[in-house]
């Protein structure tokens, strides 16, 4: 295991604590640990759960190893990343079974996903200056998005996390910069102040970047929607009332389970949770599920509403299932969702 000297004394205590779960999927577990008034994140990649995947690491580096080796290069080029404190691997006879990466949380920094006024001129200008420095340093962060960037409102500074997907170049030309901004724009809103901060007259490319970003986002959402039933970190499968439901982790509780046992009764009676039960006829329940998921990601309620002929919209769905109707000619798609405006966009 590689360990930074300043963290070595705290490593045993951090590893012994159970920690607070931040993300759990079939092959990745992220936990938050608080030790000595400091916050640490322990990310475990369980490669042995992915079939023959361990064999591939005989010839290529794992995500955690790439991130561990690239963090010092970011810092050497003047781009802030979260402190990378320790990295370890567990090998077996047929390859890498598990890898662990430990980073430290920074006080005062929050995810861009939590920024309420993301169109603020001061924020957007600072963001533009940060990306300009990153490009000038020859860094193309391929996985750039709001979830992988942190921001300090008091210092107006940014910091990167999850930097395993990166391309380090001697220089970055104008077309590469534009392509990278298109990727970022497809995942995060950019205001005119962003281009003012970025400089070099890039505001003249803003309209073209927006148009290309919209196409990229639509293609990406379509791809995600096709595999949405396999998003185990976000959706759990549970059989309730004789039906197999796909339920979002954040909504799964006893109150929701009571509703799912008899959803028909909820169609006529108001329930205290503000949930709405809808029945729709589709040739395939999965097709409807994917359309709902894709429309929510696109944050486009109008488009979704036009496909339903019912009130409300697709966003913020909680649970879905499909079953044969009595006529056995079609599949009835049942969905619970929060009415539009009752919660923030995902």
C-alpha atoms as a PDB file:
ATOM      1  CA  UNK A   1       0.000   0.000   0.000  1.00  0.00           C
ATOM      2  CA  UNK A   2       1.218   3.492  -0.863  1.00  0.00           C
ATOM      3  CA  UNK A   3       0.637   6.045   1.905  1.00  0.00           C
ATOM      4  CA  UNK A   4       1.478   9.719   2.294  1.00  0.00           C
ATOM      5  CA  UNK A   5       3.704  10.198   5.342  1.00  0.00           C
ATOM      6  CA  UNK A   6       1.399  12.717   7.042  1.00  0.00           C
ATOM      7  CA  UNK A   7      -1.485  10.225   6.970  1.00  0.00           C
ATOM      8  CA  UNK A   8       0.312   7.037   7.998  1.00  0.00           C
ATOM      9  CA  UNK A   9      -0.517   7.321  11.728  1.00  0.00           C
ATOM     10  CA  UNK A  10      -4.261   7.714  11.049  1.00  0.00           C
ATOM     11  CA  UNK A  11      -4.552   4.907   8.478  1.00  0.00           C
ATOM     12  CA  UNK A  12      -5.312   2.025  10.933  1.00  0.00           C
ATOM     13  CA  UNK A  13      -8.052   4.010  12.665  1.00  0.00           C
ATOM     14  CA  UNK A  14      -9.706   5.003   9.381  1.00  0.00           C
ATOM     15  CA  UNK A  15      -9.720   1.431   8.074  1.00  0.00           C
ATOM     16  CA  UNK A  16     -11.124   0.000  11.319  1.00  0.00           C
ATOM     17  CA  UNK A  17     -14.139   2.300  11.403  1.00  0.00           C
ATOM     18  CA  UNK A  18     -17.286   1.182   9.523  1.00  0.00           C
ATOM     19  CA  UNK A  19     -17.874   4.674   8.153  1.00  0.00           C
ATOM     20  CA  UNK A  20     -20.989   6.199   6.597  1.00  0.00           C
ATOM     21  CA  UNK A  21     -22.063   4.854   3.215  1.00  0.00           C
ATOM     22  CA  UNK A  22     -21.941   7.411   0.412  1.00  0.00           C
ATOM     23  CA  UNK A  23     -22.302   5.111  -2.588  1.00  0.00           C
ATOM     24  CA  UNK A  24     -22.937   1.390  -2.872  1.00  0.00           C
ATOM     25  CA  UNK A  25     -23.087  -0.493  -6.160  1.00  0.00           C
ATOM     26  CA  UNK A  26     -22.383  -4.044  -7.265  1.00  0.00           C
ATOM     27  CA  UNK A  27     -18.600  -3.487  -7.446  1.00  0.00           C
ATOM     28  CA  UNK A  28     -17.904  -0.112  -5.792  1.00  0.00           C
ATOM     29  CA  UNK A  29     -18.332   1.018  -2.188  1.00  0.00           C
ATOM     30  CA  UNK A  30     -17.606   4.569  -0.998  1.00  0.00           C
ATOM     31  CA  UNK A  31     -17.687   5.392   2.720  1.00  0.00           C
ATOM     32  CA  UNK A  32     -17.130   8.600   4.669  1.00  0.00           C
ATOM     33  CA  UNK A  33     -15.010   8.433   7.840  1.00  0.00           C
ATOM     34  CA  UNK A  34     -14.510  11.166  10.442  1.00  0.00           C
ATOM     35  CA  UNK A  35     -11.298  10.846  12.449  1.00  0.00           C
ATOM     36  CA  UNK A  36      -9.472  13.514  14.484  1.00  0.00           C
ATOM     37  CA  UNK A  37     -11.847  16.246  13.251  1.00  0.00           C
ATOM     38  CA  UNK A  38     -11.007  15.380   9.658  1.00  0.00           C
ATOM     39  CA  UNK A  39     -13.111  13.778   6.942  1.00  0.00           C
ATOM     40  CA  UNK A  40     -11.822  10.909   4.813  1.00  0.00           C
ATOM     41  CA  UNK A  41     -13.362   9.021   1.902  1.00  0.00           C
ATOM     42  CA  UNK A  42     -12.538   5.352   1.400  1.00  0.00           C
ATOM     43  CA  UNK A  43     -13.358   4.012  -2.049  1.00  0.00           C
ATOM     44  CA  UNK A  44     -13.246   0.251  -2.564  1.00  0.00           C
ATOM     45  CA  UNK A  45     -13.316  -1.358  -5.996  1.00  0.00           C
ATOM     46  CA  UNK A  46     -14.407  -5.006  -5.679  1.00  0.00           C
ATOM     47  CA  UNK A  47     -12.988  -6.352  -8.947  1.00  0.00           C
ATOM     48  CA  UNK A  48     -13.582  -9.981  -7.965  1.00  0.00           C
ATOM     49  CA  UNK A  49     -17.325  -9.402  -8.325  1.00  0.00           C
ATOM     50  CA  UNK A  50     -16.953  -8.647 -12.031  1.00  0.00           C
ATOM     51  CA  UNK A  51     -16.298 -12.087 -13.442  1.00  0.00           C
ATOM     52  CA  UNK A  52     -12.976 -12.285 -15.275  1.00  0.00           C
ATOM     53  CA  UNK A  53     -12.199  -8.578 -14.788  1.00  0.00           C
ATOM     54  CA  UNK A  54      -9.314  -9.276 -12.332  1.00  0.00           C
ATOM     55  CA  UNK A  55      -7.320 -10.843 -15.180  1.00  0.00           C
ATOM     56  CA  UNK A  56      -7.290  -7.595 -17.146  1.00  0.00           C
ATOM     57  CA  UNK A  57      -5.263  -5.813 -14.474  1.00  0.00           C
ATOM     58  CA  UNK A  58      -2.209  -7.883 -15.273  1.00  0.00           C
ATOM     59  CA  UNK A  59      -1.844  -5.677 -18.364  1.00  0.00           C
ATOM     60  CA  UNK A  60      -3.513  -2.393 -17.354  1.00  0.00           C
ATOM     61  CA  UNK A  61      -3.800  -0.179 -14.300  1.00  0.00           C
ATOM     62  CA  UNK A  62      -6.965  -0.073 -12.204  1.00  0.00           C
ATOM     63  CA  UNK A  63      -9.008   3.116 -11.720  1.00  0.00           C
ATOM     64  CA  UNK A  64      -7.626   3.662  -8.240  1.00  0.00           C
ATOM     65  CA  UNK A  65      -4.017   3.205  -9.360  1.00  0.00           C
ATOM     66  CA  UNK A  66      -4.476   5.621 -12.272  1.00  0.00           C
ATOM     67  CA  UNK A  67      -5.967   8.222  -9.971  1.00  0.00           C
ATOM     68  CA  UNK A  68      -3.221   7.698  -7.368  1.00  0.00           C
ATOM     69  CA  UNK A  69      -0.479   8.193  -9.947  1.00  0.00           C
ATOM     70  CA  UNK A  70      -2.123  11.152 -11.689  1.00  0.00           C
ATOM     71  CA  UNK A  71      -2.922  13.247  -8.611  1.00  0.00           C
ATOM     72  CA  UNK A  72       0.701  14.463  -8.176  1.00  0.00           C
ATOM     73  CA  UNK A  73       0.811  15.392 -11.877  1.00  0.00           C
ATOM     74  CA  UNK A  74      -2.270  17.587 -11.487  1.00  0.00           C
ATOM     75  CA  UNK A  75      -0.709  19.319  -8.505  1.00  0.00           C
ATOM     76  CA  UNK A  76       2.587  19.772 -10.343  1.00  0.00           C
ATOM     77  CA  UNK A  77       0.687  21.562 -13.118  1.00  0.00           C
ATOM     78  CA  UNK A  78      -1.060  23.859 -10.647  1.00  0.00           C
ATOM     79  CA  UNK A  79      -4.530  22.253 -10.736  1.00  0.00           C
ATOM     80  CA  UNK A  80      -6.117  21.511  -7.352  1.00  0.00           C
ATOM     81  CA  UNK A  81      -7.330  18.002  -6.539  1.00  0.00           C
ATOM     82  CA  UNK A  82      -8.451  16.505  -3.245  1.00  0.00           C
ATOM     83  CA  UNK A  83      -5.534  15.146  -1.187  1.00  0.00           C
ATOM     84  CA  UNK A  84      -4.837  11.528  -2.122  1.00  0.00           C
ATOM     85  CA  UNK A  85      -3.572   9.873   1.050  1.00  0.00           C
ATOM     86  CA  UNK A  86      -3.332   6.116   0.525  1.00  0.00           C
ATOM     87  CA  UNK A  87      -3.740   3.412  -2.081  1.00  0.00           C
ATOM     88  CA  UNK A  88      -3.758  -0.360  -1.663  1.00  0.00           C
ATOM     89  CA  UNK A  89      -4.392  -3.498  -3.704  1.00  0.00           C
ATOM     90  CA  UNK A  90      -5.259  -7.116  -2.950  1.00  0.00           C
ATOM     91  CA  UNK A  91      -4.112  -9.612  -5.562  1.00  0.00           C
ATOM     92  CA  UNK A  92      -5.028 -13.228  -6.125  1.00  0.00           C
ATOM     93  CA  UNK A  93      -3.712 -15.920  -8.417  1.00  0.00           C
ATOM     94  CA  UNK A  94      -6.013 -14.766 -11.236  1.00  0.00           C
ATOM     95  CA  UNK A  95      -5.555 -11.008 -10.916  1.00  0.00           C
ATOM     96  CA  UNK A  96      -6.478  -7.922  -8.916  1.00  0.00           C
ATOM     97  CA  UNK A  97      -9.308  -8.762  -6.505  1.00  0.00           C
ATOM     98  CA  UNK A  98      -9.737  -5.427  -4.736  1.00  0.00           C
ATOM     99  CA  UNK A  99      -8.247  -1.946  -4.750  1.00  0.00           C
ATOM    100  CA  UNK A 100      -8.703   0.825  -2.189  1.00  0.00           C
ATOM    101  CA  UNK A 101      -8.172   4.566  -2.504  1.00  0.00           C
ATOM    102  CA  UNK A 102      -8.366   7.012   0.425  1.00  0.00           C
ATOM    103  CA  UNK A 103      -8.800  10.757  -0.080  1.00  0.00           C
ATOM    104  CA  UNK A 104      -9.472  13.622   2.306  1.00  0.00           C
ATOM    105  CA  UNK A 105     -12.479  15.922   2.215  1.00  0.00           C
ATOM    106  CA  UNK A 106     -11.753  19.646   2.053  1.00  0.00           C
ATOM    107  CA  UNK A 107     -13.395  21.986   4.549  1.00  0.00           C
ATOM    108  CA  UNK A 108     -15.639  24.584   2.932  1.00  0.00           C
ATOM    109  CA  UNK A 109     -15.831  22.841  -0.453  1.00  0.00           C
ATOM    110  CA  UNK A 110     -19.157  21.542  -1.816  1.00  0.00           C
ATOM    111  CA  UNK A 111     -20.160  19.707  -4.961  1.00  0.00           C
ATOM    112  CA  UNK A 112     -21.266  21.792  -7.926  1.00  0.00           C
ATOM    113  CA  UNK A 113     -24.479  19.761  -7.795  1.00  0.00           C
ATOM    114  CA  UNK A 114     -25.438  21.618  -4.598  1.00  0.00           C
ATOM    115  CA  UNK A 115     -24.825  25.135  -5.944  1.00  0.00           C
ATOM    116  CA  UNK A 116     -28.204  26.893  -5.869  1.00  0.00           C
ATOM    117  CA  UNK A 117     -27.381  29.857  -8.093  1.00  0.00           C
ATOM    118  CA  UNK A 118     -25.121  28.250 -10.661  1.00  0.00           C
ATOM    119  CA  UNK A 119     -25.738  31.094 -13.113  1.00  0.00           C
ATOM    120  CA  UNK A 120     -24.235  33.695 -10.784  1.00  0.00           C
ATOM    121  CA  UNK A 121     -21.773  35.831 -12.747  1.00  0.00           C
ATOM    122  CA  UNK A 122     -19.022  35.653 -10.133  1.00  0.00           C
ATOM    123  CA  UNK A 123     -19.299  31.868  -9.892  1.00  0.00           C
ATOM    124  CA  UNK A 124     -19.416  31.371 -13.668  1.00  0.00           C
ATOM    125  CA  UNK A 125     -16.458  33.696 -14.232  1.00  0.00           C
ATOM    126  CA  UNK A 126     -14.372  31.816 -11.630  1.00  0.00           C
ATOM    127  CA  UNK A 127     -15.358  28.527 -13.266  1.00  0.00           C
ATOM    128  CA  UNK A 128     -14.243  29.819 -16.656  1.00  0.00           C
ATOM    129  CA  UNK A 129     -10.861  30.890 -15.266  1.00  0.00           C
ATOM    130  CA  UNK A 130     -10.395  27.468 -13.659  1.00  0.00           C
ATOM    131  CA  UNK A 131     -11.049  25.586 -16.897  1.00  0.00           C
ATOM    132  CA  UNK A 132      -8.773  27.961 -18.770  1.00  0.00           C
ATOM    133  CA  UNK A 133      -5.917  27.219 -16.327  1.00  0.00           C
ATOM    134  CA  UNK A 134      -6.579  23.503 -16.679  1.00  0.00           C
ATOM    135  CA  UNK A 135      -6.414  23.697 -20.477  1.00  0.00           C
ATOM    136  CA  UNK A 136      -3.338  25.922 -20.401  1.00  0.00           C
ATOM    137  CA  UNK A 137      -1.713  23.275 -18.172  1.00  0.00           C
ATOM    138  CA  UNK A 138      -2.343  20.631 -20.850  1.00  0.00           C
ATOM    139  CA  UNK A 139      -5.034  18.728 -18.928  1.00  0.00           C
ATOM    140  CA  UNK A 140      -8.130  17.266 -20.592  1.00  0.00           C
ATOM    141  CA  UNK A 141     -10.303  15.908 -17.794  1.00  0.00           C
ATOM    142  CA  UNK A 142     -12.418  13.424 -19.760  1.00  0.00           C
ATOM    143  CA  UNK A 143     -14.934  12.779 -16.969  1.00  0.00           C
ATOM    144  CA  UNK A 144     -15.540  16.453 -16.202  1.00  0.00           C
ATOM    145  CA  UNK A 145     -18.986  17.102 -14.717  1.00  0.00           C
ATOM    146  CA  UNK A 146     -20.639  18.847 -11.787  1.00  0.00           C
ATOM    147  CA  UNK A 147     -20.399  15.727  -9.604  1.00  0.00           C
ATOM    148  CA  UNK A 148     -16.619  15.593 -10.009  1.00  0.00           C
ATOM    149  CA  UNK A 149     -15.926  19.226  -9.127  1.00  0.00           C
ATOM    150  CA  UNK A 150     -15.925  20.959  -5.737  1.00  0.00           C
ATOM    151  CA  UNK A 151     -16.282  24.676  -5.086  1.00  0.00           C
ATOM    152  CA  UNK A 152     -15.390  26.970  -2.177  1.00  0.00           C
ATOM    153  CA  UNK A 153     -17.731  29.962  -2.117  1.00  0.00           C
ATOM    154  CA  UNK A 154     -15.532  31.883   0.327  1.00  0.00           C
ATOM    155  CA  UNK A 155     -12.324  31.494  -1.689  1.00  0.00           C
ATOM    156  CA  UNK A 156     -13.926  31.184  -5.166  1.00  0.00           C
ATOM    157  CA  UNK A 157     -11.709  28.188  -5.856  1.00  0.00           C
ATOM    158  CA  UNK A 158     -12.351  24.820  -7.466  1.00  0.00           C
ATOM    159  CA  UNK A 159     -11.027  21.324  -6.827  1.00  0.00           C
ATOM    160  CA  UNK A 160     -11.322  18.057  -8.767  1.00  0.00           C
ATOM    161  CA  UNK A 161     -12.188  14.542  -7.600  1.00  0.00           C
ATOM    162  CA  UNK A 162     -12.288  11.136  -9.368  1.00  0.00           C
ATOM    163  CA  UNK A 163      -9.490  11.960 -11.794  1.00  0.00           C
ATOM    164  CA  UNK A 164      -8.858   8.482 -13.189  1.00  0.00           C
ATOM    165  CA  UNK A 165     -10.023   9.506 -16.705  1.00  0.00           C
ATOM    166  CA  UNK A 166      -7.640  12.179 -17.903  1.00  0.00           C
ATOM    167  CA  UNK A 167      -5.430  12.996 -20.862  1.00  0.00           C
ATOM    168  CA  UNK A 168      -2.210  14.912 -20.179  1.00  0.00           C
ATOM    169  CA  UNK A 169      -0.912  16.833 -23.211  1.00  0.00           C
ATOM    170  CA  UNK A 170       2.051  19.138 -23.849  1.00  0.00           C
ATOM    171  CA  UNK A 171      -0.386  21.686 -25.292  1.00  0.00           C
ATOM    172  CA  UNK A 172      -4.092  21.807 -26.135  1.00  0.00           C
ATOM    173  CA  UNK A 173      -5.211  23.425 -29.366  1.00  0.00           C
ATOM    174  CA  UNK A 174      -8.388  25.399 -29.921  1.00  0.00           C
ATOM    175  CA  UNK A 175     -10.424  22.497 -31.312  1.00  0.00           C
ATOM    176  CA  UNK A 176      -9.550  20.307 -28.340  1.00  0.00           C
ATOM    177  CA  UNK A 177     -10.594  23.096 -25.974  1.00  0.00           C
ATOM    178  CA  UNK A 178     -13.923  23.514 -27.751  1.00  0.00           C
ATOM    179  CA  UNK A 179     -14.587  19.753 -27.739  1.00  0.00           C
ATOM    180  CA  UNK A 180     -13.866  19.626 -24.009  1.00  0.00           C
ATOM    181  CA  UNK A 181     -16.158  22.590 -23.332  1.00  0.00           C
ATOM    182  CA  UNK A 182     -18.883  20.811 -25.316  1.00  0.00           C
ATOM    183  CA  UNK A 183     -18.532  17.800 -22.998  1.00  0.00           C
ATOM    184  CA  UNK A 184     -18.730  20.003 -19.913  1.00  0.00           C
ATOM    185  CA  UNK A 185     -21.648  22.028 -21.310  1.00  0.00           C
ATOM    186  CA  UNK A 186     -23.592  18.817 -21.940  1.00  0.00           C
ATOM    187  CA  UNK A 187     -23.397  18.149 -18.194  1.00  0.00           C
ATOM    188  CA  UNK A 188     -23.535  21.627 -16.657  1.00  0.00           C
ATOM    189  CA  UNK A 189     -25.098  24.980 -17.547  1.00  0.00           C
ATOM    190  CA  UNK A 190     -22.651  27.655 -18.701  1.00  0.00           C
ATOM    191  CA  UNK A 191     -23.608  31.339 -18.677  1.00  0.00           C
ATOM    192  CA  UNK A 192     -22.044  34.165 -20.738  1.00  0.00           C
ATOM    193  CA  UNK A 193     -19.917  35.094 -17.710  1.00  0.00           C
ATOM    194  CA  UNK A 194     -18.173  31.707 -18.027  1.00  0.00           C
ATOM    195  CA  UNK A 195     -16.751  32.620 -21.422  1.00  0.00           C
ATOM    196  CA  UNK A 196     -15.731  36.045 -20.101  1.00  0.00           C
ATOM    197  CA  UNK A 197     -13.701  34.275 -17.440  1.00  0.00           C
ATOM    198  CA  UNK A 198     -12.295  31.762 -19.916  1.00  0.00           C
ATOM    199  CA  UNK A 199     -11.120  34.578 -22.177  1.00  0.00           C
ATOM    200  CA  UNK A 200      -9.459  34.480 -25.619  1.00  0.00           C
ATOM    201  CA  UNK A 201     -12.713  35.495 -27.299  1.00  0.00           C
ATOM    202  CA  UNK A 202     -14.307  32.070 -26.764  1.00  0.00           C
ATOM    203  CA  UNK A 203     -17.715  33.722 -26.344  1.00  0.00           C
ATOM    204  CA  UNK A 204     -18.007  33.624 -30.157  1.00  0.00           C
ATOM    205  CA  UNK A 205     -18.186  29.829 -29.924  1.00  0.00           C
ATOM    206  CA  UNK A 206     -20.896  29.788 -27.220  1.00  0.00           C
ATOM    207  CA  UNK A 207     -23.850  29.179 -29.562  1.00  0.00           C
ATOM    208  CA  UNK A 208     -22.069  26.343 -31.379  1.00  0.00           C
ATOM    209  CA  UNK A 209     -20.993  24.781 -28.091  1.00  0.00           C
ATOM    210  CA  UNK A 210     -24.589  24.880 -26.796  1.00  0.00           C
ATOM    211  CA  UNK A 211     -25.912  23.243 -29.962  1.00  0.00           C
ATOM    212  CA  UNK A 212     -23.320  20.459 -29.960  1.00  0.00           C
ATOM    213  CA  UNK A 213     -23.752  19.917 -26.217  1.00  0.00           C
ATOM    214  CA  UNK A 214     -27.507  19.432 -26.598  1.00  0.00           C
ATOM    215  CA  UNK A 215     -26.927  16.668 -29.152  1.00  0.00           C
ATOM    216  CA  UNK A 216     -24.307  15.001 -26.965  1.00  0.00           C
ATOM    217  CA  UNK A 217     -26.594  15.107 -23.936  1.00  0.00           C
ATOM    218  CA  UNK A 218     -29.513  13.629 -25.839  1.00  0.00           C
ATOM    219  CA  UNK A 219     -27.389  10.748 -27.126  1.00  0.00           C
ATOM    220  CA  UNK A 220     -25.960  10.076 -23.682  1.00  0.00           C
ATOM    221  CA  UNK A 221     -29.380  10.074 -22.015  1.00  0.00           C
ATOM    222  CA  UNK A 222     -30.690   7.669 -24.648  1.00  0.00           C
ATOM    223  CA  UNK A 223     -27.802   5.321 -23.884  1.00  0.00           C
ATOM    224  CA  UNK A 224     -28.331   5.562 -20.124  1.00  0.00           C
ATOM    225  CA  UNK A 225     -32.065   4.989 -20.516  1.00  0.00           C
ATOM    226  CA  UNK A 226     -31.466   1.705 -22.335  1.00  0.00           C
ATOM    227  CA  UNK A 227     -29.552   0.331 -19.355  1.00  0.00           C
ATOM    228  CA  UNK A 228     -31.487   2.074 -16.565  1.00  0.00           C
ATOM    229  CA  UNK A 229     -32.851  -1.198 -15.191  1.00  0.00           C
ATOM    230  CA  UNK A 230     -29.281  -2.172 -14.292  1.00  0.00           C
ATOM    231  CA  UNK A 231     -28.529   0.973 -12.235  1.00  0.00           C
ATOM    232  CA  UNK A 232     -28.162  -0.940  -8.975  1.00  0.00           C
ATOM    233  CA  UNK A 233     -26.639   2.057  -7.169  1.00  0.00           C
ATOM    234  CA  UNK A 234     -29.844   4.031  -7.765  1.00  0.00           C
ATOM    235  CA  UNK A 235     -32.609   1.431  -8.112  1.00  0.00           C
ATOM    236  CA  UNK A 236     -33.514  -1.580  -6.009  1.00  0.00           C
ATOM    237  CA  UNK A 237     -35.780  -4.448  -7.089  1.00  0.00           C
ATOM    238  CA  UNK A 238     -38.328  -5.643  -4.569  1.00  0.00           C
ATOM    239  CA  UNK A 239     -41.403  -7.877  -4.848  1.00  0.00           C
ATOM    240  CA  UNK A 240     -44.386  -6.249  -3.132  1.00  0.00           C
ATOM    241  CA  UNK A 241     -48.047  -7.206  -3.473  1.00  0.00           C
ATOM    242  CA  UNK A 242     -47.239  -9.908  -5.997  1.00  0.00           C
ATOM    243  CA  UNK A 243     -45.455  -7.518  -8.375  1.00  0.00           C
ATOM    244  CA  UNK A 244     -41.771  -6.893  -8.965  1.00  0.00           C
ATOM    245  CA  UNK A 245     -41.168  -3.171  -8.422  1.00  0.00           C
ATOM    246  CA  UNK A 246     -38.159  -1.064  -9.379  1.00  0.00           C
ATOM    247  CA  UNK A 247     -37.788   1.482  -6.565  1.00  0.00           C
ATOM    248  CA  UNK A 248     -35.393   4.344  -6.078  1.00  0.00           C
ATOM    249  CA  UNK A 249     -33.259   3.893  -2.974  1.00  0.00           C
ATOM    250  CA  UNK A 250     -34.014   7.408  -1.711  1.00  0.00           C
ATOM    251  CA  UNK A 251     -37.767   6.719  -1.587  1.00  0.00           C
ATOM    252  CA  UNK A 252     -37.774   3.179  -0.206  1.00  0.00           C
ATOM    253  CA  UNK A 253     -39.447   3.179   3.214  1.00  0.00           C
ATOM    254  CA  UNK A 254     -42.362   1.561   5.054  1.00  0.00           C
ATOM    255  CA  UNK A 255     -44.812   4.232   3.930  1.00  0.00           C
ATOM    256  CA  UNK A 256     -44.043   3.653   0.250  1.00  0.00           C
ATOM    257  CA  UNK A 257     -44.242  -0.129   0.675  1.00  0.00           C
ATOM    258  CA  UNK A 258     -47.759   0.199   2.114  1.00  0.00           C
ATOM    259  CA  UNK A 259     -48.800   2.132  -0.977  1.00  0.00           C
ATOM    260  CA  UNK A 260     -47.220  -0.405  -3.330  1.00  0.00           C
ATOM    261  CA  UNK A 261     -49.143  -3.263  -1.707  1.00  0.00           C
ATOM    262  CA  UNK A 262     -52.401  -1.770  -3.015  1.00  0.00           C
ATOM    263  CA  UNK A 263     -51.664   1.029  -5.529  1.00  0.00           C
ATOM    264  CA  UNK A 264     -55.199   0.936  -6.982  1.00  0.00           C
ATOM    265  CA  UNK A 265     -56.635   2.365  -3.777  1.00  0.00           C
ATOM    266  CA  UNK A 266     -54.217   5.288  -4.028  1.00  0.00           C
ATOM    267  CA  UNK A 267     -55.590   6.263  -7.448  1.00  0.00           C
ATOM    268  CA  UNK A 268     -58.795   7.488  -5.797  1.00  0.00           C
ATOM    269  CA  UNK A 269     -57.590   8.504  -2.346  1.00  0.00           C
ATOM    270  CA  UNK A 270     -55.089  11.237  -1.541  1.00  0.00           C
ATOM    271  CA  UNK A 271     -52.045   9.936   0.333  1.00  0.00           C
ATOM    272  CA  UNK A 272     -50.089  12.046   2.840  1.00  0.00           C
ATOM    273  CA  UNK A 273     -46.793  11.629   0.983  1.00  0.00           C
ATOM    274  CA  UNK A 274     -47.930  13.606  -2.048  1.00  0.00           C
ATOM    275  CA  UNK A 275     -47.316  10.633  -4.360  1.00  0.00           C
ATOM    276  CA  UNK A 276     -49.359  10.212  -7.508  1.00  0.00           C
ATOM    277  CA  UNK A 277     -50.229   6.796  -8.934  1.00  0.00           C
ATOM    278  CA  UNK A 278     -50.587   6.544 -12.710  1.00  0.00           C
ATOM    279  CA  UNK A 279     -51.630   3.700 -14.981  1.00  0.00           C
ATOM    280  CA  UNK A 280     -50.472   3.747 -18.597  1.00  0.00           C
ATOM    281  CA  UNK A 281     -50.832   1.286 -21.439  1.00  0.00           C
ATOM    282  CA  UNK A 282     -47.619   0.498 -23.293  1.00  0.00           C
ATOM    283  CA  UNK A 283     -46.578  -2.471 -25.365  1.00  0.00           C
ATOM    284  CA  UNK A 284     -43.697  -2.886 -22.984  1.00  0.00           C
ATOM    285  CA  UNK A 285     -43.409  -1.824 -19.370  1.00  0.00           C
ATOM    286  CA  UNK A 286     -39.663  -1.513 -19.806  1.00  0.00           C
ATOM    287  CA  UNK A 287     -40.147   0.824 -22.735  1.00  0.00           C
ATOM    288  CA  UNK A 288     -42.272   3.134 -20.603  1.00  0.00           C
ATOM    289  CA  UNK A 289     -39.762   2.916 -17.774  1.00  0.00           C
ATOM    290  CA  UNK A 290     -36.934   3.947 -20.098  1.00  0.00           C
ATOM    291  CA  UNK A 291     -38.918   6.843 -21.513  1.00  0.00           C
ATOM    292  CA  UNK A 292     -39.663   8.058 -18.004  1.00  0.00           C
ATOM    293  CA  UNK A 293     -36.040   7.788 -16.958  1.00  0.00           C
ATOM    294  CA  UNK A 294     -34.755   9.502 -20.077  1.00  0.00           C
ATOM    295  CA  UNK A 295     -37.260  12.339 -19.849  1.00  0.00           C
ATOM    296  CA  UNK A 296     -36.321  12.955 -16.243  1.00  0.00           C
ATOM    297  CA  UNK A 297     -32.629  13.118 -17.070  1.00  0.00           C
ATOM    298  CA  UNK A 298     -33.373  15.544 -19.858  1.00  0.00           C
ATOM    299  CA  UNK A 299     -35.528  17.584 -17.441  1.00  0.00           C
ATOM    300  CA  UNK A 300     -38.161  17.879 -20.165  1.00  0.00           C
ATOM    301  CA  UNK A 301     -41.602  17.420 -18.549  1.00  0.00           C
ATOM    302  CA  UNK A 302     -43.492  18.833 -21.571  1.00  0.00           C
ATOM    303  CA  UNK A 303     -42.197  16.128 -23.875  1.00  0.00           C
ATOM    304  CA  UNK A 304     -43.063  13.421 -21.368  1.00  0.00           C
ATOM    305  CA  UNK A 305     -46.545  14.812 -20.745  1.00  0.00           C
ATOM    306  CA  UNK A 306     -47.362  14.690 -24.438  1.00  0.00           C
ATOM    307  CA  UNK A 307     -46.710  10.942 -24.417  1.00  0.00           C
ATOM    308  CA  UNK A 308     -49.107  10.249 -21.544  1.00  0.00           C
ATOM    309  CA  UNK A 309     -52.370  12.193 -21.827  1.00  0.00           C
ATOM    310  CA  UNK A 310     -52.525  12.543 -18.042  1.00  0.00           C
ATOM    311  CA  UNK A 311     -51.714  15.336 -15.636  1.00  0.00           C
ATOM    312  CA  UNK A 312     -48.360  15.757 -13.961  1.00  0.00           C
ATOM    313  CA  UNK A 313     -45.082  14.788 -15.578  1.00  0.00           C
ATOM    314  CA  UNK A 314     -42.398  12.139 -15.615  1.00  0.00           C
ATOM    315  CA  UNK A 315     -39.866  13.739 -13.316  1.00  0.00           C
ATOM    316  CA  UNK A 316     -39.079  12.423  -9.834  1.00  0.00           C
ATOM    317  CA  UNK A 317     -40.480   8.933 -10.277  1.00  0.00           C
ATOM    318  CA  UNK A 318     -40.321   6.765  -7.167  1.00  0.00           C
ATOM    319  CA  UNK A 319     -41.336   3.265  -8.214  1.00  0.00           C
ATOM    320  CA  UNK A 320     -42.453   1.441 -11.348  1.00  0.00           C
ATOM    321  CA  UNK A 321     -43.757  -1.986 -12.290  1.00  0.00           C
ATOM    322  CA  UNK A 322     -45.547  -3.680 -15.176  1.00  0.00           C
ATOM    323  CA  UNK A 323     -48.192  -6.413 -15.286  1.00  0.00           C
ATOM    324  CA  UNK A 324     -50.591  -8.003 -17.789  1.00  0.00           C
ATOM    325  CA  UNK A 325     -54.039  -6.443 -18.004  1.00  0.00           C
ATOM    326  CA  UNK A 326     -57.137  -8.604 -17.765  1.00  0.00           C
ATOM    327  CA  UNK A 327     -57.537  -8.648 -21.544  1.00  0.00           C
ATOM    328  CA  UNK A 328     -53.940  -9.952 -21.804  1.00  0.00           C
ATOM    329  CA  UNK A 329     -53.522  -7.808 -24.913  1.00  0.00           C
ATOM    330  CA  UNK A 330     -51.310  -5.160 -23.396  1.00  0.00           C
ATOM    331  CA  UNK A 331     -49.045  -4.459 -20.465  1.00  0.00           C
ATOM    332  CA  UNK A 332     -50.205  -2.004 -17.836  1.00  0.00           C
ATOM    333  CA  UNK A 333     -47.425   0.223 -16.593  1.00  0.00           C
ATOM    334  CA  UNK A 334     -47.867   1.536 -13.045  1.00  0.00           C
ATOM    335  CA  UNK A 335     -45.751   4.407 -11.816  1.00  0.00           C
ATOM    336  CA  UNK A 336     -45.546   6.454  -8.637  1.00  0.00           C
ATOM    337  CA  UNK A 337     -44.106   9.923  -8.918  1.00  0.00           C
ATOM    338  CA  UNK A 338     -43.845  13.234  -7.138  1.00  0.00           C
ATOM    339  CA  UNK A 339     -45.865  15.988  -8.874  1.00  0.00           C
ATOM    340  CA  UNK A 340     -43.806  18.501 -10.857  1.00  0.00           C
ATOM    341  CA  UNK A 341     -42.390  21.233  -8.644  1.00  0.00           C
ATOM    342  CA  UNK A 342     -42.620  19.243  -5.405  1.00  0.00           C
ATOM    343  CA  UNK A 343     -38.902  18.644  -5.327  1.00  0.00           C
ATOM    344  CA  UNK A 344     -35.778  19.834  -7.127  1.00  0.00           C
ATOM    345  CA  UNK A 345     -34.562  18.502 -10.438  1.00  0.00           C
ATOM    346  CA  UNK A 346     -32.329  15.417 -10.162  1.00  0.00           C
END
